[in-house]
Amino acid sequence: MLDSEKANSDTIRVLIVDDHELFREGVSAMIGRHKAIEVVGEASNGQEAVTQFMELAPDVVIMDINMPIMTGLEATRIMREKNSDARILILTVSDAEQALFEAVKAGASGYILKNASPQTVIDSVQRVYSGEPVIPGNLAVKIIHELSATATKKVQEVDPLTEREIDVLRHLSAGSSNRDIASALFISENTVRNHVRNILEKLHLSNRVQAATYALREGYTLRED
């Protein structure tokens, strides 16, 4: 889905989700001016967002949290269930830690504030598209703490990773996309997706952001030659 061929492989296809029409139009106009970004759809609630996500297969979803009918958190969980490679950037008026922490646990790749500069929004879209989480340091620390607690509780339940899965995990720690990992390891993107899925299952994690954080905590980073 997210890895399907696009008319222009250099263009990042974005779906904007927010219940305020004027704000959606503003964001659309702002990022649509960038030559490497194309706004392919807009949605006013999470339910519409899920439908358009399935129909349009966008590369990145910019998602508001608080919306009627279905919240951004619920929509994020569903999108991640339907496609584990979904790249979702949470749009919020506040950087309240708990709400954003829940968004990351639901599968979001990061967040941006609604008062962010146009360049910050564009940079964040590009970073998420390339597979790099947009997570502030304080939130990353909290994720590490939760992962530590989870690891302590489930230490007997964690299945060992294969050498290839460890290779993939090292690349995840650097924020590499499936395409980058496939190229570096000389395997297909579909194989990478399978490895990522196995890693998440074995480590009892729910998304790539958590896997990257786990990798950093455990020292599974790319070695420099």
Protein backbone atom coordinates (compact mmCIF):
# COMPACT_ATOMS: atom_id res chain seq x y z
CA MET A 1 0.00 0.00 0.00
CA LEU A 2 2.40 2.68 1.17
CA ASP A 3 5.08 1.03 -0.97
CA SER A 4 2.98 0.81 -4.09
CA GLU A 5 4.14 2.58 -7.23
CA LYS A 6 3.17 6.21 -7.54
CA ALA A 7 2.83 8.35 -10.62
CA ASN A 8 5.82 10.37 -9.42
CA SER A 9 8.11 8.49 -7.05
CA ASP A 10 9.72 11.77 -5.93
CA THR A 11 6.42 13.15 -4.64
CA ILE A 12 5.23 12.59 -1.07
CA ARG A 13 1.48 11.98 -1.12
CA VAL A 14 -0.23 13.41 1.97
CA LEU A 15 -3.68 12.99 3.53
CA ILE A 16 -4.74 15.82 5.87
CA VAL A 17 -7.20 15.02 8.67
CA ASP A 18 -8.76 17.77 10.81
CA ASP A 19 -12.33 18.67 11.71
CA HIS A 20 -11.84 22.38 10.92
CA GLU A 21 -12.21 22.99 7.20
CA LEU A 22 -10.40 26.32 7.14
CA PHE A 23 -7.44 24.83 8.99
CA ARG A 24 -7.31 21.84 6.62
CA GLU A 25 -7.35 24.14 3.63
CA GLY A 26 -4.62 26.27 5.17
CA VAL A 27 -2.34 23.30 5.80
CA SER A 28 -3.11 21.94 2.34
CA ALA A 29 -2.23 25.23 0.67
CA MET A 30 0.89 25.62 2.79
CA ILE A 31 2.50 22.23 2.15
CA GLY A 32 1.03 21.84 -1.34
CA ARG A 33 3.28 24.64 -2.54
CA HIS A 34 6.31 22.41 -1.94
CA LYS A 35 7.33 20.75 -5.21
CA ALA A 36 7.96 17.37 -3.51
CA ILE A 37 4.63 17.18 -1.67
CA GLU A 38 1.16 16.50 -3.07
CA VAL A 39 -2.01 16.69 -0.97
CA VAL A 40 -4.12 13.80 -2.26
CA GLY A 41 -7.04 14.04 0.16
CA GLU A 42 -8.67 15.68 3.18
CA ALA A 43 -10.91 14.24 5.91
CA SER A 44 -12.91 15.85 8.71
CA ASN A 45 -12.92 12.93 11.17
CA GLY A 46 -11.19 9.64 11.89
CA GLN A 47 -13.80 7.53 10.13
CA GLU A 48 -13.43 9.47 6.88
CA ALA A 49 -9.67 9.32 7.33
CA VAL A 50 -9.61 5.51 7.52
CA THR A 51 -11.78 5.26 4.39
CA GLN A 52 -9.54 7.64 2.43
CA PHE A 53 -6.42 5.96 3.77
CA MET A 54 -7.58 2.68 2.26
CA GLU A 55 -8.67 4.27 -1.03
CA LEU A 56 -5.77 6.68 -1.58
CA ALA A 57 -2.82 4.88 0.08
CA PRO A 58 -1.07 8.14 1.08
CA ASP A 59 2.60 8.15 2.04
CA VAL A 60 2.00 10.32 5.11
CA VAL A 61 -1.12 11.15 7.12
CA ILE A 62 -1.28 14.42 9.08
CA MET A 63 -3.78 13.59 11.83
CA ASP A 64 -5.58 15.76 14.37
CA ILE A 65 -6.22 14.07 17.74
CA ASN A 66 -9.58 15.46 18.86
CA MET A 67 -12.30 14.99 16.25
CA PRO A 68 -15.97 13.94 16.20
CA ILE A 69 -17.26 10.47 15.21
CA MET A 70 -13.79 8.90 15.53
CA THR A 71 -10.73 10.41 17.21
CA GLY A 72 -7.30 10.63 15.68
CA LEU A 73 -6.01 8.03 18.15
CA GLU A 74 -8.65 5.50 17.11
CA ALA A 75 -8.02 6.18 13.43
CA THR A 76 -4.27 5.81 13.96
CA ARG A 77 -4.71 2.40 15.58
CA ILE A 78 -6.93 1.19 12.74
CA MET A 79 -4.57 2.47 10.04
CA ARG A 80 -1.64 0.74 11.72
CA GLU A 81 -3.63 -2.49 11.94
CA LYS A 82 -4.43 -2.30 8.24
CA ASN A 83 -0.88 -1.33 7.24
CA SER A 84 2.04 -1.63 9.65
CA ASP A 85 4.03 0.78 7.47
CA ALA A 86 1.52 3.62 7.88
CA ARG A 87 3.31 6.89 8.59
CA ILE A 88 1.15 9.14 10.72
CA LEU A 89 2.08 12.60 11.97
CA ILE A 90 -0.11 13.83 14.81
CA LEU A 91 -1.33 17.42 14.60
CA THR A 92 -2.07 19.00 17.97
CA VAL A 93 -2.63 22.36 19.65
CA SER A 94 -0.78 21.21 22.76
CA ASP A 95 2.33 19.19 23.50
CA ALA A 96 0.68 17.64 26.56
CA GLU A 97 2.90 14.63 27.15
CA GLN A 98 0.30 12.01 28.00
CA ALA A 99 -1.88 12.53 24.92
CA LEU A 100 1.13 12.42 22.63
CA PHE A 101 2.52 9.39 24.45
CA GLU A 102 -0.77 7.61 23.79
CA ALA A 103 -0.54 8.63 20.13
CA VAL A 104 2.94 7.11 19.83
CA LYS A 105 1.73 3.93 21.53
CA ALA A 106 -1.14 3.84 19.01
CA GLY A 107 1.40 3.86 16.19
CA ALA A 108 2.04 7.52 15.33
CA SER A 109 5.48 8.38 13.95
CA GLY A 110 5.60 11.72 15.74
CA TYR A 111 3.82 15.01 16.13
CA ILE A 112 3.78 18.67 15.15
CA LEU A 113 2.07 21.60 16.84
CA LYS A 114 -0.63 23.50 14.97
CA ASN A 115 1.34 26.73 15.40
CA ALA A 116 4.49 25.23 13.86
CA SER A 117 6.17 27.12 11.05
CA PRO A 118 5.52 26.01 7.45
CA GLN A 119 9.11 24.79 7.17
CA THR A 120 8.78 22.71 10.35
CA VAL A 121 5.66 21.04 8.97
CA ILE A 122 7.36 20.30 5.65
CA ASP A 123 10.52 19.01 7.35
CA SER A 124 8.43 16.77 9.62
CA VAL A 125 6.50 15.32 6.69
CA GLN A 126 9.75 14.56 4.89
CA ARG A 127 11.34 12.99 7.97
CA VAL A 128 8.34 10.76 8.65
CA TYR A 129 8.21 9.76 4.99
CA SER A 130 11.86 8.71 5.12
CA GLY A 131 11.11 6.53 8.14
CA GLU A 132 12.54 8.83 10.79
CA PRO A 133 10.40 9.32 13.93
CA VAL A 134 9.62 12.94 14.85
CA ILE A 135 9.71 12.46 18.63
CA PRO A 136 11.03 15.03 21.16
CA GLY A 137 13.63 13.90 23.68
CA ASN A 138 11.37 14.01 26.74
CA LEU A 139 8.80 11.77 25.07
CA ALA A 140 11.49 9.35 23.90
CA VAL A 141 12.72 9.05 27.49
CA LYS A 142 9.21 8.21 28.69
CA ILE A 143 8.88 5.54 26.00
CA ILE A 144 12.21 4.04 27.09
CA HIS A 145 10.99 3.91 30.68
CA GLU A 146 7.81 2.11 29.65
CA LEU A 147 9.75 -0.30 27.49
CA SER A 148 12.07 -1.02 30.41
CA ALA A 149 9.10 -1.82 32.62
CA THR A 150 7.56 -3.98 29.90
CA ALA A 151 10.83 -5.81 29.35
CA THR A 152 11.15 -6.50 33.07
CA LYS A 153 7.63 -7.90 33.26
CA LYS A 154 7.93 -10.00 30.11
CA VAL A 155 11.61 -10.94 30.16
CA GLN A 156 10.71 -14.65 30.13
CA GLU A 157 8.27 -14.15 27.25
CA VAL A 158 10.57 -12.40 24.77
CA ASP A 159 11.64 -14.64 21.90
CA PRO A 160 15.24 -14.25 20.69
CA LEU A 161 15.77 -12.36 17.44
CA THR A 162 17.51 -13.95 14.49
CA GLU A 163 20.72 -12.39 13.15
CA ARG A 164 18.80 -10.92 10.22
CA GLU A 165 16.14 -9.45 12.52
CA ILE A 166 18.90 -7.83 14.56
CA ASP A 167 20.32 -6.36 11.35
CA VAL A 168 16.90 -4.89 10.58
CA LEU A 169 16.54 -3.62 14.15
CA ARG A 170 19.86 -1.80 13.90
CA HIS A 171 18.61 0.01 10.82
CA LEU A 172 15.33 0.83 12.59
CA SER A 173 17.37 2.51 15.33
CA ALA A 174 18.65 4.93 12.68
CA GLY A 175 15.14 5.69 11.44
CA SER A 176 15.66 3.94 8.11
CA SER A 177 12.66 3.33 5.86
CA ASN A 178 11.80 -0.13 4.53
CA ARG A 179 13.24 0.85 1.16
CA ASP A 180 16.54 1.96 2.73
CA ILE A 181 16.78 -1.23 4.81
CA ALA A 182 16.02 -3.40 1.78
CA SER A 183 18.74 -1.66 -0.21
CA ALA A 184 21.31 -1.90 2.59
CA LEU A 185 20.66 -5.59 3.28
CA PHE A 186 20.03 -6.63 -0.35
CA ILE A 187 16.56 -8.00 0.37
CA SER A 188 13.07 -7.07 -0.82
CA GLU A 189 10.85 -4.51 0.90
CA ASN A 190 8.30 -7.24 1.50
CA THR A 191 10.95 -9.25 3.36
CA VAL A 192 11.78 -6.19 5.43
CA ARG A 193 8.11 -5.77 6.35
CA ASN A 194 7.99 -9.40 7.47
CA HIS A 195 11.09 -8.96 9.61
CA VAL A 196 9.70 -5.80 11.21
CA ARG A 197 6.45 -7.59 11.98
CA ASN A 198 8.35 -10.46 13.59
CA ILE A 199 10.50 -8.06 15.62
CA LEU A 200 7.45 -6.26 17.00
CA GLU A 201 5.78 -9.55 17.90
CA LYS A 202 8.85 -11.02 19.59
CA LEU A 203 9.62 -7.89 21.61
CA HIS A 204 5.97 -7.20 22.45
CA LEU A 205 6.11 -3.74 20.87
CA SER A 206 3.39 -2.02 18.88
CA ASN A 207 5.21 0.14 16.32
CA ARG A 208 8.49 1.14 14.68
CA VAL A 209 9.02 4.09 17.02
CA GLN A 210 9.02 1.77 20.01
CA ALA A 211 11.30 -0.66 18.16
CA ALA A 212 13.77 2.14 17.38
CA THR A 213 13.72 3.29 20.99
CA TYR A 214 14.22 -0.28 22.21
CA ALA A 215 17.16 -0.70 19.82
CA LEU A 216 18.84 2.45 21.14
CA ARG A 217 18.30 1.37 24.75
CA GLU A 218 19.71 -2.11 24.14
CA GLY A 219 22.63 -0.91 22.03
CA TYR A 220 21.38 -2.30 18.71
CA THR A 221 22.76 0.55 16.63
CA LEU A 222 24.50 0.60 13.26
CA ARG A 223 28.22 0.01 13.54
CA GLU A 224 30.49 2.49 11.85
CA ASP A 225 33.10 0.92 9.61
